[in-house]
Protein backbone atom coordinates (compact mmCIF):
# COMPACT_ATOMS: atom_id res chain seq x y z
CA UNK A 1 -18.17 18.25 -4.58
CA UNK A 2 -19.17 16.32 -7.70
CA UNK A 3 -15.58 16.50 -8.94
CA UNK A 4 -14.39 14.86 -5.73
CA UNK A 5 -16.97 12.08 -6.01
CA UNK A 6 -15.96 11.46 -9.64
CA UNK A 7 -12.21 11.42 -8.95
CA UNK A 8 -11.43 7.88 -10.10
CA UNK A 9 -7.70 7.94 -9.19
CA UNK A 10 -8.53 9.05 -5.65
CA UNK A 11 -11.19 6.39 -5.13
CA UNK A 12 -9.05 3.66 -6.70
CA UNK A 13 -6.18 4.47 -4.32
CA UNK A 14 -8.46 4.63 -1.26
CA UNK A 15 -10.13 1.36 -2.29
CA UNK A 16 -6.72 -0.30 -2.59
CA UNK A 17 -5.82 0.83 0.93
CA UNK A 18 -9.07 -0.49 2.38
CA UNK A 19 -8.88 -3.80 0.52
CA UNK A 20 -5.23 -4.39 1.44
CA UNK A 21 -5.90 -3.64 5.12
CA UNK A 22 -8.93 -5.95 5.12
CA UNK A 23 -7.04 -8.79 3.40
CA UNK A 24 -4.45 -8.75 6.19
CA UNK A 25 -6.98 -10.16 8.68
CA UNK A 26 -7.84 -13.45 6.88
CA UNK A 27 -4.21 -13.93 5.80
CA UNK A 28 -3.08 -13.59 9.42
CA UNK A 29 -5.87 -15.98 10.46
CA UNK A 30 -4.56 -18.60 8.02
CA UNK A 31 -1.10 -18.29 9.57
CA UNK A 32 -2.06 -18.07 13.26
CA UNK A 33 -5.61 -19.49 13.50
CA UNK A 34 -6.82 -16.35 15.30
CA UNK A 35 -8.44 -13.17 14.10
CA UNK A 36 -6.39 -10.04 14.75
CA UNK A 37 -8.67 -7.10 14.00
CA UNK A 38 -5.94 -4.61 14.94
CA UNK A 39 -4.40 -5.37 11.53
CA UNK A 40 -7.16 -3.24 9.96
CA UNK A 41 -5.34 -0.13 11.16
CA UNK A 42 -1.75 -1.32 11.52
CA UNK A 43 1.28 -0.72 9.33
CA UNK A 44 3.33 -3.49 7.79
CA UNK A 45 2.19 -6.98 6.88
CA UNK A 46 0.88 -8.70 3.76
CA UNK A 47 -0.10 -7.07 1.44
CA UNK A 48 1.35 -3.58 1.64
CA UNK A 49 -1.49 -1.06 1.57
CA UNK A 50 1.05 1.69 0.82
CA UNK A 51 2.15 -0.13 -2.32
CA UNK A 52 -1.45 -0.88 -3.25
CA UNK A 53 -2.40 2.77 -2.93
CA UNK A 54 0.46 4.22 -4.97
CA UNK A 55 0.17 1.63 -7.74
CA UNK A 56 -3.62 2.08 -7.88
CA UNK A 57 -3.12 5.84 -8.14
CA UNK A 58 -0.51 5.54 -10.91
CA UNK A 59 -2.59 2.94 -12.79
CA UNK A 60 -5.74 5.07 -12.61
CA UNK A 61 -3.84 8.12 -13.84
CA UNK A 62 -2.33 6.06 -16.68
CA UNK A 63 -5.83 4.95 -17.69
CA UNK A 64 -7.30 8.45 -17.50
CA UNK A 65 -4.40 10.65 -18.62
CA UNK A 66 -2.12 8.28 -20.52
CA UNK A 67 1.39 7.06 -19.86
CA UNK A 68 2.85 10.30 -21.26
CA UNK A 69 1.00 12.44 -18.72
CA UNK A 70 3.01 14.45 -16.18
CA UNK A 71 0.44 13.32 -13.57
CA UNK A 72 1.30 9.70 -14.26
CA UNK A 73 5.01 10.54 -14.02
CA UNK A 74 4.51 12.20 -10.63
CA UNK A 75 2.48 9.25 -9.33
CA UNK A 76 4.97 6.69 -10.68
CA UNK A 77 7.99 8.39 -9.08
CA UNK A 78 6.07 8.93 -5.85
CA UNK A 79 5.15 5.23 -5.91
CA UNK A 80 8.73 4.09 -6.46
CA UNK A 81 9.89 6.19 -3.50
CA UNK A 82 7.12 4.89 -1.23
CA UNK A 83 7.74 1.26 -2.17
CA UNK A 84 11.51 1.62 -1.79
CA UNK A 85 11.05 3.22 1.63
CA UNK A 86 8.67 0.44 2.72
CA UNK A 87 11.31 -2.22 2.09
CA UNK A 88 14.26 -0.13 3.26
CA UNK A 89 14.18 2.35 6.11
CA UNK A 90 10.84 1.31 7.59
CA UNK A 91 11.70 -2.41 7.46
CA UNK A 92 15.02 -1.87 9.23
CA UNK A 93 13.35 0.35 11.84
CA UNK A 94 11.00 -2.56 12.60
CA UNK A 95 13.95 -4.94 12.91
CA UNK A 96 15.64 -2.56 15.35
CA UNK A 97 12.41 -2.28 17.36
CA UNK A 98 12.39 -6.08 17.70
CA UNK A 99 15.91 -6.04 19.17
CA UNK A 100 15.11 -3.14 21.51
CA UNK A 101 11.95 -4.89 22.74
CA UNK A 102 13.96 -8.06 23.46
CA UNK A 103 16.55 -6.03 25.39
CA UNK A 104 13.80 -4.44 27.46
CA UNK A 105 12.27 -7.87 28.16
CA UNK A 106 15.65 -9.30 29.19
CA UNK A 107 16.41 -6.31 31.41
CA UNK A 108 13.02 -6.59 33.11
CA UNK A 109 13.60 -10.30 33.78
CA UNK A 110 16.92 -9.46 35.40
CA UNK A 111 15.37 -6.80 37.58
CA UNK A 112 12.54 -9.16 38.62
CA UNK A 113 15.05 -11.83 39.59
CA UNK A 114 17.15 -9.41 41.65
CA UNK A 115 14.29 -8.08 43.72
CA UNK A 116 10.55 -8.34 43.95
CA UNK A 117 8.61 -5.22 43.26
CA UNK A 118 5.55 -4.68 45.41
CA UNK A 119 3.54 -3.24 42.52
CA UNK A 120 4.06 -4.65 39.02
CA UNK A 121 1.18 -2.76 37.35
CA UNK A 122 3.53 0.05 36.32
CA UNK A 123 5.62 -2.45 34.36
CA UNK A 124 2.47 -3.82 32.71
CA UNK A 125 1.57 -0.34 31.51
CA UNK A 126 4.85 -0.02 29.58
CA UNK A 127 4.15 -0.02 25.87
CA UNK A 128 6.49 -1.83 23.53
CA UNK A 129 7.96 -0.19 20.47
CA UNK A 130 6.08 -1.00 17.32
CA UNK A 131 7.93 -3.72 15.40
CA UNK A 132 5.72 -4.10 12.35
CA UNK A 133 6.66 -0.87 10.56
CA UNK A 134 7.85 -1.84 7.12
CA UNK A 135 7.49 -4.56 4.55
CA UNK A 136 9.40 -7.45 3.12
CA UNK A 137 9.86 -7.14 -0.66
CA UNK A 138 7.21 -9.83 -1.33
CA UNK A 139 4.65 -7.83 0.68
CA UNK A 140 5.42 -4.71 -1.36
CA UNK A 141 5.18 -6.71 -4.61
CA UNK A 142 1.75 -8.13 -3.77
CA UNK A 143 0.53 -4.75 -2.50
CA UNK A 144 1.55 -3.20 -5.80
CA UNK A 145 -0.04 -6.02 -7.78
CA UNK A 146 -3.23 -5.63 -5.75
CA UNK A 147 -3.36 -1.90 -6.55
CA UNK A 148 -2.94 -2.45 -10.28
CA UNK A 149 -5.44 -5.32 -10.53
CA UNK A 150 -8.04 -3.57 -8.38
CA UNK A 151 -7.79 -0.38 -10.45
CA UNK A 152 -8.05 -2.24 -13.76
CA UNK A 153 -11.10 -4.11 -12.44
CA UNK A 154 -12.76 -0.94 -11.14
CA UNK A 155 -12.07 0.84 -14.42
CA UNK A 156 -13.54 -2.02 -16.44
CA UNK A 157 -16.68 -2.13 -14.26
CA UNK A 158 -17.24 1.62 -13.95
CA UNK A 159 -16.29 2.85 -17.42
């Protein structure tokens, strides 16, 4: 149990996730002038917690094991894959979800105009596809930067 509590790479990565998720709330407030606490547990948005986590992990391993370590190599490659995926497949899936949601909205308007349904609660219960799945490249960049800076700060304070 002591080994787990002293696992700096693990705690740096988890801290980066928590900090990135928390930062999303005030950044969204600046943009929309409303607090959206659901961002604490959502995917997507600025900064990327995925990028923060993998860069924090790789940075912590580089500090502890060195840049020549196979553990650093594993974390670095894992990080590149995660960050590439965040700006690629997941981003495009979110874009497609936006289009599908608009099609559903348009279809429902058409149906409402053609006839009046006696009970519209069933329509209200329909859940929309999640659109905020991936990240724009700038979100991934700042998530990665956050992970590196946080880990360097934690390392300087703790060691």
